[in-house]
Protein backbone atom coordinates (compact mmCIF):
# COMPACT_ATOMS: atom_id res chain seq x y z
CA UNK A 1 76.35 -113.24 -158.79
CA UNK A 2 76.12 -116.67 -157.23
CA UNK A 3 72.63 -118.05 -156.72
CA UNK A 4 72.00 -119.63 -153.29
CA UNK A 5 72.28 -123.40 -153.14
CA UNK A 6 69.45 -125.37 -151.58
CA UNK A 7 69.99 -126.80 -148.15
CA UNK A 8 68.21 -129.70 -146.55
CA UNK A 9 65.71 -128.44 -144.00
CA UNK A 10 64.20 -130.60 -141.33
CA UNK A 11 60.44 -130.72 -141.48
CA UNK A 12 58.96 -129.26 -138.29
CA UNK A 13 57.69 -131.89 -135.93
CA UNK A 14 53.88 -131.81 -135.61
CA UNK A 15 54.06 -132.07 -131.81
CA UNK A 16 56.39 -129.08 -131.65
CA UNK A 17 53.98 -127.06 -133.78
CA UNK A 18 51.25 -127.74 -131.21
CA UNK A 19 53.50 -126.24 -128.49
CA UNK A 20 54.30 -122.75 -129.78
CA UNK A 21 55.52 -121.35 -126.44
CA UNK A 22 59.01 -122.79 -126.53
CA UNK A 23 62.43 -121.24 -125.90
CA UNK A 24 65.48 -123.17 -127.10
CA UNK A 25 63.42 -126.32 -127.33
CA UNK A 26 61.95 -126.05 -123.84
CA UNK A 27 58.31 -125.31 -123.12
CA UNK A 28 57.51 -122.03 -121.34
CA UNK A 29 53.74 -122.45 -121.62
CA UNK A 30 53.49 -122.01 -117.85
CA UNK A 31 54.77 -118.43 -118.07
CA UNK A 32 51.59 -116.56 -119.20
CA UNK A 33 49.32 -117.96 -116.44
CA UNK A 34 52.08 -117.40 -113.89
CA UNK A 35 52.38 -113.74 -114.91
CA UNK A 36 48.62 -113.26 -114.51
CA UNK A 37 48.69 -115.11 -111.18
CA UNK A 38 51.29 -112.69 -109.86
CA UNK A 39 49.87 -109.55 -111.47
CA UNK A 40 46.25 -109.80 -110.28
CA UNK A 41 47.04 -109.64 -106.48
CA UNK A 42 49.40 -106.70 -107.09
CA UNK A 43 46.75 -104.80 -109.04
CA UNK A 44 44.12 -105.69 -106.42
CA UNK A 45 46.32 -104.35 -103.62
CA UNK A 46 47.01 -101.15 -105.57
CA UNK A 47 43.39 -100.28 -106.33
CA UNK A 48 42.07 -100.26 -102.79
CA UNK A 49 38.62 -99.21 -101.73
CA UNK A 50 35.56 -101.06 -102.92
CA UNK A 51 37.03 -101.81 -106.32
CA UNK A 52 38.48 -105.35 -106.07
CA UNK A 53 39.94 -107.28 -109.02
CA UNK A 54 40.95 -110.36 -107.05
CA UNK A 55 38.24 -112.40 -108.76
CA UNK A 56 40.13 -111.89 -112.02
CA UNK A 57 42.23 -114.82 -110.86
CA UNK A 58 39.68 -116.93 -112.71
CA UNK A 59 41.65 -115.99 -115.83
CA UNK A 60 44.66 -117.99 -114.60
CA UNK A 61 43.28 -121.53 -115.11
CA UNK A 62 41.56 -120.36 -118.31
CA UNK A 63 44.87 -119.23 -119.80
CA UNK A 64 46.60 -122.37 -118.56
CA UNK A 65 43.92 -124.53 -120.24
CA UNK A 66 44.79 -122.97 -123.60
CA UNK A 67 48.54 -123.61 -123.48
CA UNK A 68 49.38 -126.10 -120.72
CA UNK A 69 48.65 -129.71 -119.87
CA UNK A 70 45.84 -131.02 -117.69
CA UNK A 71 47.86 -131.40 -114.49
CA UNK A 72 49.50 -127.99 -114.91
CA UNK A 73 46.08 -126.42 -115.44
CA UNK A 74 44.75 -128.14 -112.33
CA UNK A 75 47.75 -126.89 -110.35
CA UNK A 76 47.18 -123.30 -111.48
CA UNK A 77 43.48 -123.62 -110.59
CA UNK A 78 44.31 -124.73 -107.03
CA UNK A 79 47.00 -122.09 -106.57
CA UNK A 80 44.63 -119.40 -107.89
CA UNK A 81 42.02 -120.38 -105.25
CA UNK A 82 44.64 -120.27 -102.49
CA UNK A 83 45.89 -116.87 -103.64
CA UNK A 84 42.31 -115.63 -103.75
CA UNK A 85 41.57 -116.83 -100.24
CA UNK A 86 44.78 -115.30 -98.91
CA UNK A 87 44.23 -111.99 -100.66
CA UNK A 88 40.58 -111.69 -99.71
CA UNK A 89 41.31 -112.20 -96.03
CA UNK A 90 44.60 -110.28 -95.73
CA UNK A 91 43.18 -106.75 -95.94
CA UNK A 92 40.13 -106.57 -93.60
CA UNK A 93 39.80 -102.80 -94.11
CA UNK A 94 38.96 -103.35 -97.79
CA UNK A 95 35.80 -104.68 -99.32
CA UNK A 96 35.77 -108.49 -99.27
CA UNK A 97 34.41 -110.38 -102.29
CA UNK A 98 33.66 -113.38 -100.13
CA UNK A 99 32.26 -116.79 -100.91
CA UNK A 100 30.42 -116.08 -104.22
CA UNK A 101 33.57 -115.09 -106.07
CA UNK A 102 35.44 -118.01 -104.51
CA UNK A 103 32.80 -120.41 -105.85
CA UNK A 104 33.07 -118.69 -109.24
CA UNK A 105 36.84 -119.20 -109.19
CA UNK A 106 36.50 -122.88 -108.22
CA UNK A 107 33.91 -123.50 -110.94
CA UNK A 108 36.08 -121.67 -113.46
CA UNK A 109 39.08 -123.81 -112.52
CA UNK A 110 37.08 -127.01 -112.91
CA UNK A 111 35.77 -125.94 -116.32
CA UNK A 112 39.30 -124.98 -117.39
CA UNK A 113 40.63 -128.44 -116.50
CA UNK A 114 37.84 -130.10 -118.47
CA UNK A 115 38.42 -127.77 -121.43
CA UNK A 116 42.13 -128.55 -121.36
CA UNK A 117 41.41 -132.28 -121.45
CA UNK A 118 39.11 -131.82 -124.46
CA UNK A 119 41.73 -129.68 -126.23
CA UNK A 120 44.50 -132.23 -125.73
CA UNK A 121 42.28 -135.07 -126.90
CA UNK A 122 41.49 -133.12 -130.05
CA UNK A 123 45.19 -132.48 -130.62
CA UNK A 124 45.97 -136.16 -130.22
CA UNK A 125 43.26 -137.03 -132.73
CA UNK A 126 44.61 -134.42 -135.15
CA UNK A 127 48.17 -135.70 -134.82
CA UNK A 128 46.95 -139.23 -135.43
CA UNK A 129 45.12 -138.14 -138.57
CA UNK A 130 48.21 -136.26 -139.73
CA UNK A 131 50.28 -139.40 -139.27
CA UNK A 132 47.75 -141.28 -141.39
CA UNK A 133 47.96 -138.58 -144.07
CA UNK A 134 51.77 -138.66 -144.03
CA UNK A 135 51.69 -142.43 -144.43
CA UNK A 136 49.24 -142.08 -147.32
CA UNK A 137 51.51 -139.57 -149.02
CA UNK A 138 54.54 -141.82 -148.62
CA UNK A 139 52.62 -144.69 -150.20
CA UNK A 140 51.28 -142.52 -153.00
CA UNK A 141 54.48 -140.59 -153.69
CA UNK A 142 57.02 -143.25 -152.81
CA UNK A 143 60.56 -142.24 -152.00
CA UNK A 144 62.76 -142.70 -155.04
CA UNK A 145 66.41 -143.75 -154.89
CA UNK A 146 68.78 -140.85 -155.57
CA UNK A 147 70.00 -142.40 -158.84
CA UNK A 148 67.21 -144.38 -160.46
CA UNK A 149 66.89 -145.86 -163.93
CA UNK A 150 69.99 -144.09 -165.19
CA UNK A 151 68.57 -140.69 -164.22
CA UNK A 152 69.37 -138.08 -161.63
CA UNK A 153 66.30 -136.36 -160.27
CA UNK A 154 64.90 -134.04 -157.64
CA UNK A 155 61.31 -133.27 -156.80
CA UNK A 156 59.30 -131.14 -154.42
CA UNK A 157 55.62 -131.42 -153.61
CA UNK A 158 53.72 -128.71 -151.73
CA UNK A 159 50.05 -129.12 -150.89
CA UNK A 160 47.94 -125.98 -151.11
CA UNK A 161 46.22 -127.11 -147.90
CA UNK A 162 49.17 -127.21 -145.52
CA UNK A 163 47.12 -129.16 -143.00
CA UNK A 164 46.09 -131.84 -145.49
CA UNK A 165 49.66 -132.27 -146.81
CA UNK A 166 48.48 -134.39 -149.73
CA UNK A 167 46.58 -133.63 -152.93
CA UNK A 168 46.11 -134.65 -156.54
CA UNK A 169 49.62 -134.08 -157.92
CA UNK A 170 51.60 -137.25 -158.65
CA UNK A 171 54.95 -138.37 -160.06
CA UNK A 172 57.07 -141.49 -160.32
CA UNK A 173 60.03 -143.08 -162.13
CA UNK A 174 59.87 -146.69 -163.29
CA UNK A 175 62.90 -148.51 -164.79
CA UNK A 176 62.09 -151.37 -167.13
CA UNK A 177 63.72 -153.72 -169.67
CA UNK A 178 62.43 -151.36 -172.37
CA UNK A 179 63.73 -148.12 -170.92
CA UNK A 180 63.14 -145.81 -167.99
CA UNK A 181 59.70 -144.17 -167.83
CA UNK A 182 58.75 -141.02 -165.93
CA UNK A 183 55.24 -139.78 -165.16
CA UNK A 184 54.27 -136.39 -163.75
CA UNK A 185 50.64 -135.29 -163.53
CA UNK A 186 47.89 -133.37 -161.80
CA UNK A 187 44.39 -134.64 -161.09
CA UNK A 188 41.63 -132.08 -161.52
CA UNK A 189 40.15 -130.96 -158.23
CA UNK A 190 41.17 -131.49 -154.63
CA UNK A 191 40.30 -133.72 -151.71
CA UNK A 192 40.21 -137.47 -151.26
CA UNK A 193 38.70 -137.96 -154.71
CA UNK A 194 41.77 -136.43 -156.33
CA UNK A 195 44.06 -138.53 -154.13
CA UNK A 196 42.20 -141.69 -155.11
CA UNK A 197 42.45 -140.88 -158.83
CA UNK A 198 46.17 -140.19 -158.48
CA UNK A 199 46.68 -143.51 -156.72
CA UNK A 200 44.96 -145.55 -159.45
CA UNK A 201 46.99 -143.79 -162.16
CA UNK A 202 50.27 -144.37 -160.34
CA UNK A 203 49.45 -148.03 -159.76
CA UNK A 204 48.70 -148.50 -163.45
CA UNK A 205 51.84 -146.65 -164.48
CA UNK A 206 54.13 -148.71 -162.25
CA UNK A 207 52.92 -151.95 -163.81
CA UNK A 208 52.43 -150.85 -167.41
CA UNK A 209 55.72 -148.92 -167.56
CA UNK A 210 57.60 -152.06 -166.55
CA UNK A 211 55.84 -154.67 -168.69
CA UNK A 212 54.88 -152.75 -171.85
CA UNK A 213 57.47 -152.35 -174.60
CA UNK A 214 56.01 -149.24 -176.27
CA UNK A 215 55.34 -145.91 -174.51
CA UNK A 216 52.20 -145.55 -176.61
CA UNK A 217 50.83 -148.68 -174.99
CA UNK A 218 51.65 -147.29 -171.54
CA UNK A 219 49.75 -144.14 -172.50
CA UNK A 220 46.75 -146.20 -173.61
CA UNK A 221 46.76 -148.12 -170.34
CA UNK A 222 46.74 -144.85 -168.38
CA UNK A 223 43.87 -143.49 -170.48
CA UNK A 224 41.85 -146.68 -170.08
CA UNK A 225 42.40 -146.77 -166.33
CA UNK A 226 41.27 -143.18 -165.92
CA UNK A 227 38.10 -143.83 -167.92
CA UNK A 228 37.35 -146.94 -165.86
CA UNK A 229 37.83 -144.98 -162.65
CA UNK A 230 35.54 -142.17 -163.78
CA UNK A 231 32.84 -144.67 -164.81
CA UNK A 232 33.14 -146.42 -161.47
CA UNK A 233 32.63 -143.11 -159.65
CA UNK A 234 29.56 -142.42 -161.77
CA UNK A 235 28.19 -145.90 -161.11
CA UNK A 236 28.39 -145.50 -157.33
CA UNK A 237 26.90 -142.02 -157.51
CA UNK A 238 29.91 -139.99 -156.45
CA UNK A 239 30.25 -136.32 -157.31
CA UNK A 240 33.66 -136.67 -159.01
CA UNK A 241 32.34 -138.67 -161.97
CA UNK A 242 33.69 -136.05 -164.42
CA UNK A 243 37.22 -135.96 -163.07
CA UNK A 244 40.23 -135.93 -165.39
CA UNK A 245 44.01 -135.61 -165.09
CA UNK A 246 46.72 -133.83 -167.02
CA UNK A 247 50.05 -135.64 -167.28
CA UNK A 248 53.37 -135.94 -169.08
CA UNK A 249 54.89 -139.33 -169.85
CA UNK A 250 58.62 -139.51 -170.58
CA UNK A 251 60.31 -142.55 -172.11
CA UNK A 252 64.10 -143.02 -172.19
CA UNK A 253 64.46 -146.10 -174.45
CA UNK A 254 68.26 -146.21 -174.18
CA UNK A 255 68.14 -146.60 -170.37
CA UNK A 256 67.14 -150.26 -170.30
CA UNK A 257 67.38 -152.15 -167.01
CA UNK A 258 67.84 -155.81 -167.93
CA UNK A 259 67.46 -156.91 -164.32
CA UNK A 260 64.87 -155.83 -161.81
CA UNK A 261 67.26 -153.28 -160.31
CA UNK A 262 67.05 -149.52 -160.23
CA UNK A 263 69.50 -148.42 -162.88
CA UNK A 264 71.19 -149.40 -166.15
CA UNK A 265 74.82 -148.86 -167.03
CA UNK A 266 75.10 -145.38 -168.57
CA UNK A 267 78.82 -145.67 -169.37
CA UNK A 268 79.54 -144.29 -172.82
CA UNK A 269 76.13 -142.72 -173.31
CA UNK A 270 76.15 -139.18 -174.65
CA UNK A 271 72.88 -137.56 -175.58
CA UNK A 272 69.72 -139.44 -174.69
CA UNK A 273 66.58 -139.92 -176.72
CA UNK A 274 63.44 -138.87 -174.87
CA UNK A 275 59.95 -139.68 -176.14
CA UNK A 276 57.43 -137.29 -174.63
CA UNK A 277 53.68 -137.86 -174.48
CA UNK A 278 51.62 -134.92 -173.30
CA UNK A 279 48.10 -135.31 -171.89
CA UNK A 280 47.07 -131.65 -171.71
CA UNK A 281 49.80 -130.80 -169.21
CA UNK A 282 52.00 -127.75 -168.77
CA UNK A 283 54.83 -127.37 -171.34
CA UNK A 284 58.20 -128.86 -170.39
CA UNK A 285 61.30 -126.71 -170.05
CA UNK A 286 64.73 -127.81 -171.29
CA UNK A 287 67.26 -126.15 -169.00
CA UNK A 288 70.98 -125.95 -169.77
CA UNK A 289 73.84 -123.64 -168.72
CA UNK A 290 73.17 -121.71 -171.94
CA UNK A 291 69.55 -120.91 -171.15
CA UNK A 292 66.00 -122.23 -171.01
CA UNK A 293 63.97 -123.55 -173.93
CA UNK A 294 60.27 -124.34 -173.91
CA UNK A 295 59.47 -127.66 -175.60
CA UNK A 296 56.50 -126.72 -177.72
CA UNK A 297 54.10 -129.50 -178.64
CA UNK A 298 50.37 -129.90 -178.89
CA UNK A 299 48.91 -130.22 -175.44
CA UNK A 300 46.66 -133.16 -176.33
CA UNK A 301 43.65 -134.16 -174.26
CA UNK A 302 43.83 -134.88 -170.52
CA UNK A 303 43.57 -138.44 -169.28
CA UNK A 304 39.97 -139.56 -169.18
CA UNK A 305 38.84 -137.39 -172.10
CA UNK A 306 39.96 -139.37 -175.17
CA UNK A 307 36.33 -139.81 -176.18
CA UNK A 308 36.36 -136.12 -177.18
CA UNK A 309 39.07 -136.74 -179.79
CA UNK A 310 37.90 -136.76 -183.43
CA UNK A 311 37.62 -140.19 -184.98
CA UNK A 312 39.66 -139.07 -187.98
CA UNK A 313 42.42 -137.55 -185.83
CA UNK A 314 45.18 -136.65 -188.31
CA UNK A 315 47.88 -137.76 -185.89
CA UNK A 316 46.45 -141.28 -186.05
CA UNK A 317 47.22 -144.03 -183.60
CA UNK A 318 50.68 -145.47 -183.80
CA UNK A 319 52.72 -147.86 -181.67
CA UNK A 320 55.02 -145.15 -180.35
CA UNK A 321 54.03 -141.90 -178.67
CA UNK A 322 51.10 -140.46 -180.63
CA UNK A 323 47.49 -141.48 -180.67
CA UNK A 324 43.95 -140.18 -180.51
CA UNK A 325 43.72 -137.21 -178.17
CA UNK A 326 47.39 -137.13 -177.19
CA UNK A 327 50.46 -135.38 -178.54
CA UNK A 328 54.04 -136.60 -178.59
CA UNK A 329 57.50 -135.57 -179.71
CA UNK A 330 60.99 -137.01 -179.53
CA UNK A 331 63.92 -134.86 -178.38
CA UNK A 332 67.61 -135.37 -177.65
CA UNK A 333 68.81 -134.64 -174.13
CA UNK A 334 72.44 -133.54 -173.89
CA UNK A 335 74.60 -134.41 -170.86
CA UNK A 336 74.37 -130.82 -169.55
CA UNK A 337 70.62 -130.48 -170.06
CA UNK A 338 67.81 -131.05 -167.57
CA UNK A 339 64.09 -131.45 -168.07
CA UNK A 340 61.87 -129.40 -165.77
CA UNK A 341 58.26 -130.45 -165.27
CA UNK A 342 55.83 -128.49 -163.10
CA UNK A 343 52.12 -128.51 -162.36
CA UNK A 344 49.80 -125.53 -162.68
CA UNK A 345 50.49 -124.58 -159.09
CA UNK A 346 53.70 -123.04 -160.50
CA UNK A 347 52.54 -121.61 -163.83
CA UNK A 348 49.30 -120.20 -162.43
CA UNK A 349 50.82 -118.75 -159.26
CA UNK A 350 49.86 -115.08 -158.98
CA UNK A 351 51.23 -112.13 -157.09
CA UNK A 352 49.06 -109.58 -155.29
CA UNK A 353 48.47 -107.74 -158.58
CA UNK A 354 47.21 -110.90 -160.30
CA UNK A 355 50.27 -111.38 -162.53
CA UNK A 356 51.29 -114.97 -163.29
CA UNK A 357 54.70 -116.28 -162.28
CA UNK A 358 57.08 -115.83 -165.28
CA UNK A 359 58.77 -119.22 -164.94
CA UNK A 360 60.82 -119.20 -168.15
CA UNK A 361 62.08 -115.63 -167.75
CA UNK A 362 62.87 -116.22 -164.08
CA UNK A 363 64.90 -119.34 -164.86
CA UNK A 364 66.78 -117.62 -167.67
CA UNK A 365 67.96 -114.96 -165.23
CA UNK A 366 68.78 -117.52 -162.54
CA UNK A 367 70.76 -119.78 -164.89
CA UNK A 368 72.62 -116.80 -166.31
CA UNK A 369 73.64 -115.88 -162.75
CA UNK A 370 74.70 -119.44 -161.88
CA UNK A 371 74.99 -121.83 -164.88
CA UNK A 372 75.84 -124.76 -162.58
CA UNK A 373 72.27 -124.80 -161.29
CA UNK A 374 71.13 -126.10 -164.68
CA UNK A 375 72.94 -129.40 -164.12
CA UNK A 376 72.01 -129.83 -160.46
CA UNK A 377 68.40 -131.10 -160.15
CA UNK A 378 68.13 -130.20 -156.47
CA UNK A 379 69.41 -126.66 -157.05
CA UNK A 380 67.02 -126.20 -159.95
CA UNK A 381 64.05 -127.38 -157.89
CA UNK A 382 64.99 -125.03 -155.08
CA UNK A 383 65.31 -122.11 -157.49
CA UNK A 384 61.79 -122.64 -158.78
CA UNK A 385 60.45 -123.20 -155.26
CA UNK A 386 61.98 -119.98 -153.96
CA UNK A 387 60.84 -118.08 -157.03
CA UNK A 388 57.22 -119.20 -156.71
CA UNK A 389 57.01 -118.44 -152.99
CA UNK A 390 58.69 -115.08 -153.53
CA UNK A 391 56.23 -114.23 -156.30
CA UNK A 392 53.14 -115.18 -154.29
CA UNK A 393 54.31 -113.90 -150.93
CA UNK A 394 54.51 -117.43 -149.51
CA UNK A 395 50.87 -118.37 -150.20
CA UNK A 396 49.89 -121.21 -152.55
CA UNK A 397 46.39 -121.49 -154.01
CA UNK A 398 46.96 -124.88 -155.65
CA UNK A 399 48.98 -128.03 -155.13
CA UNK A 400 52.47 -127.54 -156.53
CA UNK A 401 54.90 -130.12 -157.89
CA UNK A 402 58.36 -129.32 -159.22
CA UNK A 403 60.19 -132.22 -160.88
CA UNK A 404 63.62 -132.19 -162.52
CA UNK A 405 65.27 -135.10 -164.30
CA UNK A 406 68.51 -135.41 -166.26
CA UNK A 407 71.03 -137.99 -167.47
CA UNK A 408 72.45 -139.82 -164.49
CA UNK A 409 75.88 -138.99 -163.14
CA UNK A 410 75.72 -141.15 -160.02
CA UNK A 411 75.58 -138.01 -157.84
CA UNK A 412 71.84 -137.47 -157.65
CA UNK A 413 70.20 -135.97 -154.62
CA UNK A 414 67.93 -138.01 -152.44
CA UNK A 415 64.36 -136.81 -152.47
CA UNK A 416 64.44 -136.47 -148.72
CA UNK A 417 66.79 -133.50 -149.09
CA UNK A 418 63.86 -131.42 -150.29
CA UNK A 419 60.88 -131.14 -147.99
CA UNK A 420 57.67 -129.18 -147.83
CA UNK A 421 58.77 -127.16 -144.89
């Protein structure tokens, strides 16, 4: 059985999503008020007697205000008044509603035009705010080159709040003269406070990962920055003064970039050494065509909580990957192996019965069905994405990040190929 390959999907345009009545790309928002405009006189003519429904034409501009533009709404309001006048005077043998209902229709049309103007102004403000949020996300989660630091990668970020489109998950890759460093993490909580904490951690990582020789020093810089940020929040009296972040720091010491470019020469490299520092994050998965293996290591403490570590921590501080409150291991990454990192939006995803998403078992079945997916970061990301949405019925309760990295082959997929649509 061949597993489906991911395809690039264009993100829906926000303006199009505000115009749902479209057929083949063309707006048909005028159709509902037109149907009512034609139906009301027919029903009024059919009823006869003293029962007149001609005043129901006031619904026409009201419907137009909900789906059409200002000028179209005004046009329907005027046409509705003309139809009312014609219908009320065409059948003298029937009861005539007269001037009161005509005034009601005119007032209703005027109110509909004003309501339409308010609606469109609110939509414009919302689209402007969404553009600001999209810009913020692009700054926070910068677009990475398809082949960066000697690594192929693919990533997908989905915000639990589809309208906000940005949250506390973060990731980045930073080449350096000392090796390529990767950071994936999740800030506790949601909202602008989580976004701010993620931004300060990413800024620290991008500088420290380039200038610091040891991954342990990079880890210390991240811990110090998180503590400083939390203390700042407490000093200014903000409610997120106890915020923390889980994260995983990867260091590929053999992938040194001597120049300030985006990738070393990987010619002749076989297996790669990977130093892993875990700050209380979800376990990593090592995926290969032969199956999936969970990299078991102590979770360590999240960033910002090193003060809870015992003073006589048996791991002891060292210049490499271990230190107070954090756990680290070193593994070898074969050419056909990929590292999968996810946030708790994946591992804690539940179905309607409350069962968690069985990530490892799901991937084992998927890789057995199509072993090539294990060496294609984009395909692997799409498999996890489809599995999570299928398990939850398409609803996400938490921000979700899926990140796959492997030894570079020069055929990596651009991040833009995977969207949150």
